[in-house]
Amino acid sequence: MAIIVNLDVMMAKRKIGLTELSDRVGISLANLSILKNNRAKAVRFSTLNAICRELQCQPADILEFTEDPTD
């Protein structure tokens, strides 16, 4: 997929763990882990909004577009 999720990088910069972010954002650990490990097929804007609010970042800090040679 051409969209890369850099949630793990932003979490490391903010020194916050998966469990703490899950509690703050109100998303299950399983769903947040799927997003963090770049296995998500979609993300809701409300989820992205909550993550950005808690990590004090912009959506572009988490989502990155790269060319996919298979497209």
C-alpha atoms as a PDB file:
ATOM      1  CA  MET A   1       0.000   0.000   0.000  1.00  0.00           C
ATOM      2  CA  ALA A   2       1.190   3.506  -0.761  1.00  0.00           C
ATOM      3  CA  ILE A   3       0.156   4.973   2.604  1.00  0.00           C
ATOM      4  CA  ILE A   4       2.602   4.368   5.446  1.00  0.00           C
ATOM      5  CA  VAL A   5       1.476   4.821   9.055  1.00  0.00           C
ATOM      6  CA  ASN A   6       4.247   6.243  11.230  1.00  0.00           C
ATOM      7  CA  LEU A   7       2.336   6.059  14.493  1.00  0.00           C
ATOM      8  CA  ASP A   8       5.120   4.074  16.157  1.00  0.00           C
ATOM      9  CA  VAL A   9       7.628   6.821  15.332  1.00  0.00           C
ATOM     10  CA  MET A  10       5.414   9.567  16.749  1.00  0.00           C
ATOM     11  CA  MET A  11       4.687   7.504  19.864  1.00  0.00           C
ATOM     12  CA  ALA A  12       8.420   7.045  20.433  1.00  0.00           C
ATOM     13  CA  LYS A  13       9.035  10.786  20.005  1.00  0.00           C
ATOM     14  CA  ARG A  14       6.321  11.531  22.569  1.00  0.00           C
ATOM     15  CA  LYS A  15       7.489   8.688  24.850  1.00  0.00           C
ATOM     16  CA  ILE A  16       4.034   7.153  25.153  1.00  0.00           C
ATOM     17  CA  GLY A  17       3.186   3.482  25.130  1.00  0.00           C
ATOM     18  CA  LEU A  18       0.430   1.677  23.307  1.00  0.00           C
ATOM     19  CA  THR A  19      -1.623   1.030  26.450  1.00  0.00           C
ATOM     20  CA  GLU A  20      -1.483   4.645  27.591  1.00  0.00           C
ATOM     21  CA  LEU A  21      -2.421   5.993  24.152  1.00  0.00           C
ATOM     22  CA  SER A  22      -5.231   3.460  23.892  1.00  0.00           C
ATOM     23  CA  ASP A  23      -6.652   4.634  27.225  1.00  0.00           C
ATOM     24  CA  ARG A  24      -6.340   8.323  26.323  1.00  0.00           C
ATOM     25  CA  VAL A  25      -7.865   7.966  22.860  1.00  0.00           C
ATOM     26  CA  GLY A  26     -10.543   5.409  23.719  1.00  0.00           C
ATOM     27  CA  ILE A  27      -9.523   2.891  21.066  1.00  0.00           C
ATOM     28  CA  SER A  28      -9.007  -0.780  21.822  1.00  0.00           C
ATOM     29  CA  LEU A  29      -5.439  -2.007  22.139  1.00  0.00           C
ATOM     30  CA  ALA A  30      -6.027  -4.434  19.275  1.00  0.00           C
ATOM     31  CA  ASN A  31      -7.225  -1.744  16.850  1.00  0.00           C
ATOM     32  CA  LEU A  32      -4.500   0.696  17.839  1.00  0.00           C
ATOM     33  CA  SER A  33      -1.906  -2.051  17.423  1.00  0.00           C
ATOM     34  CA  ILE A  34      -3.166  -2.781  13.894  1.00  0.00           C
ATOM     35  CA  LEU A  35      -2.784   0.891  13.049  1.00  0.00           C
ATOM     36  CA  LYS A  36       0.636   1.147  14.707  1.00  0.00           C
ATOM     37  CA  ASN A  37       1.957  -1.894  12.848  1.00  0.00           C
ATOM     38  CA  ASN A  38       0.835  -0.508   9.479  1.00  0.00           C
ATOM     39  CA  ARG A  39      -1.728  -3.262   8.867  1.00  0.00           C
ATOM     40  CA  ALA A  40      -4.815  -1.036   8.820  1.00  0.00           C
ATOM     41  CA  LYS A  41      -6.816  -0.759   5.610  1.00  0.00           C
ATOM     42  CA  ALA A  42      -8.607   2.406   6.748  1.00  0.00           C
ATOM     43  CA  VAL A  43      -8.691   4.928   9.569  1.00  0.00           C
ATOM     44  CA  ARG A  44     -11.619   7.069  10.670  1.00  0.00           C
ATOM     45  CA  PHE A  45     -11.118  10.807  10.832  1.00  0.00           C
ATOM     46  CA  SER A  46     -12.424  10.761  14.404  1.00  0.00           C
ATOM     47  CA  THR A  47      -9.681   8.260  15.320  1.00  0.00           C
ATOM     48  CA  LEU A  48      -7.023  10.306  13.546  1.00  0.00           C
ATOM     49  CA  ASN A  49      -8.304  13.431  15.285  1.00  0.00           C
ATOM     50  CA  ALA A  50      -8.104  11.803  18.723  1.00  0.00           C
ATOM     51  CA  ILE A  51      -4.592  10.468  18.094  1.00  0.00           C
ATOM     52  CA  CYS A  52      -3.347  13.836  16.830  1.00  0.00           C
ATOM     53  CA  ARG A  53      -4.921  15.594  19.809  1.00  0.00           C
ATOM     54  CA  GLU A  54      -3.215  13.282  22.310  1.00  0.00           C
ATOM     55  CA  LEU A  55       0.161  13.245  20.553  1.00  0.00           C
ATOM     56  CA  GLN A  56      -0.027  16.983  19.756  1.00  0.00           C
ATOM     57  CA  CYS A  57       0.849  16.428  16.121  1.00  0.00           C
ATOM     58  CA  GLN A  58      -0.520  16.843  12.613  1.00  0.00           C
ATOM     59  CA  PRO A  59      -1.997  14.032  10.481  1.00  0.00           C
ATOM     60  CA  ALA A  60       1.030  14.340   8.173  1.00  0.00           C
ATOM     61  CA  ASP A  61       3.235  13.397  11.124  1.00  0.00           C
ATOM     62  CA  ILE A  62       1.478  10.028  11.210  1.00  0.00           C
ATOM     63  CA  LEU A  63       0.500   9.352   7.588  1.00  0.00           C
ATOM     64  CA  GLU A  64       2.965   9.308   4.698  1.00  0.00           C
ATOM     65  CA  PHE A  65       2.393   8.706   0.985  1.00  0.00           C
ATOM     66  CA  THR A  66       4.958   6.740  -0.994  1.00  0.00           C
ATOM     67  CA  GLU A  67       4.842   5.522  -4.565  1.00  0.00           C
ATOM     68  CA  ASP A  68       3.758   1.897  -4.783  1.00  0.00           C
ATOM     69  CA  PRO A  69       5.380   0.184  -7.782  1.00  0.00           C
ATOM     70  CA  THR A  70       2.558  -2.389  -7.926  1.00  0.00           C
ATOM     71  CA  ASP A  71      -0.122   0.254  -8.589  1.00  0.00           C
END
